[in-house]
Amino acid sequence: METFKIEVQEFLSRIVEIEAKNIDEAILRLKEMYNSEEIVLDNEDFVTSEIEEFKD
């Protein structure tokens, strides 16, 4: 019997409305919120999953 490495990936996504002067500022604010764990994606943000052979 052989052993196989299989990778499972889950994809989460959330749309967040950010008030800012421009898109760069909005992205920076969101990154700061995400890094400080003000935004935490969870099972309600699940979009899809993929399962495929893992290749080294």
N, C-alpha and C. Protein backbone atom coordinates (compact mmCIF):
# COMPACT_ATOMS: atom_id res chain seq x y z
N MET A 1 0.86 -1.18 0.00
CA MET A 1 0.00 0.00 0.00
C MET A 1 0.90 1.24 0.00
N GLU A 2 0.54 2.25 -0.79
CA GLU A 2 1.33 3.47 -0.90
C GLU A 2 0.82 4.54 0.07
N THR A 3 1.67 5.53 0.33
CA THR A 3 1.29 6.69 1.13
C THR A 3 1.29 7.91 0.22
N PHE A 4 0.24 8.72 0.31
CA PHE A 4 0.11 9.90 -0.52
C PHE A 4 -0.01 11.14 0.36
N LYS A 5 0.56 12.24 -0.11
CA LYS A 5 0.38 13.53 0.57
C LYS A 5 -0.72 14.27 -0.17
N ILE A 6 -1.78 14.59 0.55
CA ILE A 6 -2.92 15.29 -0.02
C ILE A 6 -3.08 16.61 0.73
N GLU A 7 -3.21 17.68 -0.01
CA GLU A 7 -3.34 19.02 0.58
C GLU A 7 -4.80 19.44 0.56
N VAL A 8 -5.25 20.00 1.68
CA VAL A 8 -6.59 20.57 1.78
C VAL A 8 -6.42 22.07 2.03
N GLN A 9 -7.06 22.88 1.20
CA GLN A 9 -7.03 24.33 1.39
C GLN A 9 -8.46 24.83 1.54
N GLU A 10 -8.65 25.72 2.50
CA GLU A 10 -9.94 26.38 2.66
C GLU A 10 -9.76 27.86 2.36
N PHE A 11 -10.74 28.43 1.72
CA PHE A 11 -10.68 29.83 1.36
C PHE A 11 -11.78 30.59 2.08
N LEU A 12 -11.37 31.66 2.76
CA LEU A 12 -12.28 32.52 3.50
C LEU A 12 -12.24 33.91 2.87
N SER A 13 -13.35 34.60 2.91
CA SER A 13 -13.41 35.93 2.32
C SER A 13 -14.48 36.76 3.02
N ARG A 14 -14.20 38.04 3.18
CA ARG A 14 -15.18 38.97 3.77
C ARG A 14 -15.00 40.33 3.10
N ILE A 15 -16.10 40.98 2.81
CA ILE A 15 -16.07 42.35 2.27
C ILE A 15 -16.25 43.30 3.45
N VAL A 16 -15.33 44.26 3.56
CA VAL A 16 -15.36 45.24 4.65
C VAL A 16 -15.41 46.63 4.03
N GLU A 17 -16.33 47.46 4.48
CA GLU A 17 -16.41 48.84 4.00
C GLU A 17 -15.51 49.71 4.87
N ILE A 18 -14.61 50.46 4.23
CA ILE A 18 -13.64 51.31 4.93
C ILE A 18 -13.77 52.73 4.39
N GLU A 19 -13.91 53.70 5.28
CA GLU A 19 -13.88 55.10 4.87
C GLU A 19 -12.44 55.56 4.86
N ALA A 20 -12.02 56.17 3.74
CA ALA A 20 -10.65 56.63 3.59
C ALA A 20 -10.58 57.67 2.48
N LYS A 21 -9.44 58.36 2.40
CA LYS A 21 -9.24 59.37 1.36
C LYS A 21 -8.99 58.75 -0.01
N ASN A 22 -8.38 57.55 -0.02
CA ASN A 22 -8.09 56.88 -1.28
C ASN A 22 -7.97 55.38 -1.03
N ILE A 23 -7.83 54.60 -2.10
CA ILE A 23 -7.79 53.15 -1.98
C ILE A 23 -6.56 52.67 -1.21
N ASP A 24 -5.42 53.34 -1.38
CA ASP A 24 -4.21 52.93 -0.66
C ASP A 24 -4.40 53.07 0.85
N GLU A 25 -5.02 54.17 1.27
CA GLU A 25 -5.28 54.37 2.69
C GLU A 25 -6.28 53.34 3.20
N ALA A 26 -7.29 53.03 2.40
CA ALA A 26 -8.29 52.04 2.81
C ALA A 26 -7.66 50.67 3.00
N ILE A 27 -6.79 50.28 2.06
CA ILE A 27 -6.10 48.99 2.18
C ILE A 27 -5.20 48.97 3.40
N LEU A 28 -4.47 50.05 3.64
CA LEU A 28 -3.60 50.14 4.81
C LEU A 28 -4.40 50.01 6.10
N ARG A 29 -5.53 50.70 6.19
CA ARG A 29 -6.38 50.62 7.39
C ARG A 29 -6.88 49.19 7.61
N LEU A 30 -7.31 48.56 6.51
CA LEU A 30 -7.80 47.20 6.64
C LEU A 30 -6.70 46.25 7.08
N LYS A 31 -5.50 46.40 6.51
CA LYS A 31 -4.36 45.56 6.93
C LYS A 31 -4.06 45.75 8.41
N GLU A 32 -4.12 46.98 8.87
CA GLU A 32 -3.88 47.26 10.30
C GLU A 32 -4.95 46.60 11.16
N MET A 33 -6.19 46.68 10.73
CA MET A 33 -7.29 46.05 11.48
C MET A 33 -7.13 44.53 11.50
N TYR A 34 -6.74 43.98 10.36
CA TYR A 34 -6.55 42.52 10.28
C TYR A 34 -5.38 42.08 11.15
N ASN A 35 -4.27 42.79 11.07
CA ASN A 35 -3.08 42.43 11.86
C ASN A 35 -3.30 42.59 13.36
N SER A 36 -4.15 43.51 13.76
CA SER A 36 -4.42 43.70 15.19
C SER A 36 -5.61 42.84 15.65
N GLU A 37 -6.07 41.97 14.77
CA GLU A 37 -7.15 41.02 15.04
C GLU A 37 -8.50 41.68 15.34
N GLU A 38 -8.70 42.88 14.80
CA GLU A 38 -10.03 43.50 14.86
C GLU A 38 -10.95 42.80 13.87
N ILE A 39 -10.35 42.24 12.83
CA ILE A 39 -11.08 41.45 11.84
C ILE A 39 -10.50 40.04 11.88
N VAL A 40 -11.34 39.07 12.18
CA VAL A 40 -10.91 37.66 12.21
C VAL A 40 -11.90 36.86 11.38
N LEU A 41 -11.40 36.28 10.31
CA LEU A 41 -12.27 35.47 9.46
C LEU A 41 -12.57 34.15 10.15
N ASP A 42 -13.80 33.68 10.00
CA ASP A 42 -14.21 32.44 10.65
C ASP A 42 -15.07 31.61 9.70
N ASN A 43 -15.73 30.61 10.23
CA ASN A 43 -16.51 29.68 9.40
C ASN A 43 -17.62 30.38 8.62
N GLU A 44 -18.10 31.51 9.07
CA GLU A 44 -19.14 32.23 8.33
C GLU A 44 -18.60 32.89 7.07
N ASP A 45 -17.27 33.00 6.98
CA ASP A 45 -16.62 33.61 5.82
C ASP A 45 -16.15 32.57 4.80
N PHE A 46 -16.50 31.31 5.03
CA PHE A 46 -16.07 30.22 4.16
C PHE A 46 -16.61 30.41 2.75
N VAL A 47 -15.74 30.24 1.75
CA VAL A 47 -16.14 30.38 0.35
C VAL A 47 -16.08 29.03 -0.36
N THR A 48 -14.93 28.38 -0.29
CA THR A 48 -14.76 27.11 -1.00
C THR A 48 -13.55 26.37 -0.43
N SER A 49 -13.36 25.15 -0.89
CA SER A 49 -12.17 24.38 -0.52
C SER A 49 -11.67 23.62 -1.73
N GLU A 50 -10.40 23.25 -1.67
CA GLU A 50 -9.78 22.47 -2.73
C GLU A 50 -9.00 21.33 -2.09
N ILE A 51 -9.05 20.18 -2.73
CA ILE A 51 -8.28 19.03 -2.27
C ILE A 51 -7.52 18.50 -3.47
N GLU A 52 -6.19 18.41 -3.32
CA GLU A 52 -5.38 17.91 -4.42
C GLU A 52 -4.10 17.30 -3.90
N GLU A 53 -3.44 16.57 -4.75
CA GLU A 53 -2.19 15.93 -4.37
C GLU A 53 -1.17 17.01 -4.05
N PHE A 54 -0.42 16.81 -2.97
CA PHE A 54 0.64 17.74 -2.58
C PHE A 54 1.92 17.34 -3.30
N LYS A 55 2.49 18.29 -4.03
CA LYS A 55 3.74 18.02 -4.76
C LYS A 55 4.86 18.79 -4.11
N ASP A 56 5.88 18.06 -3.67
CA ASP A 56 7.03 18.68 -2.99
C ASP A 56 7.73 19.69 -3.86
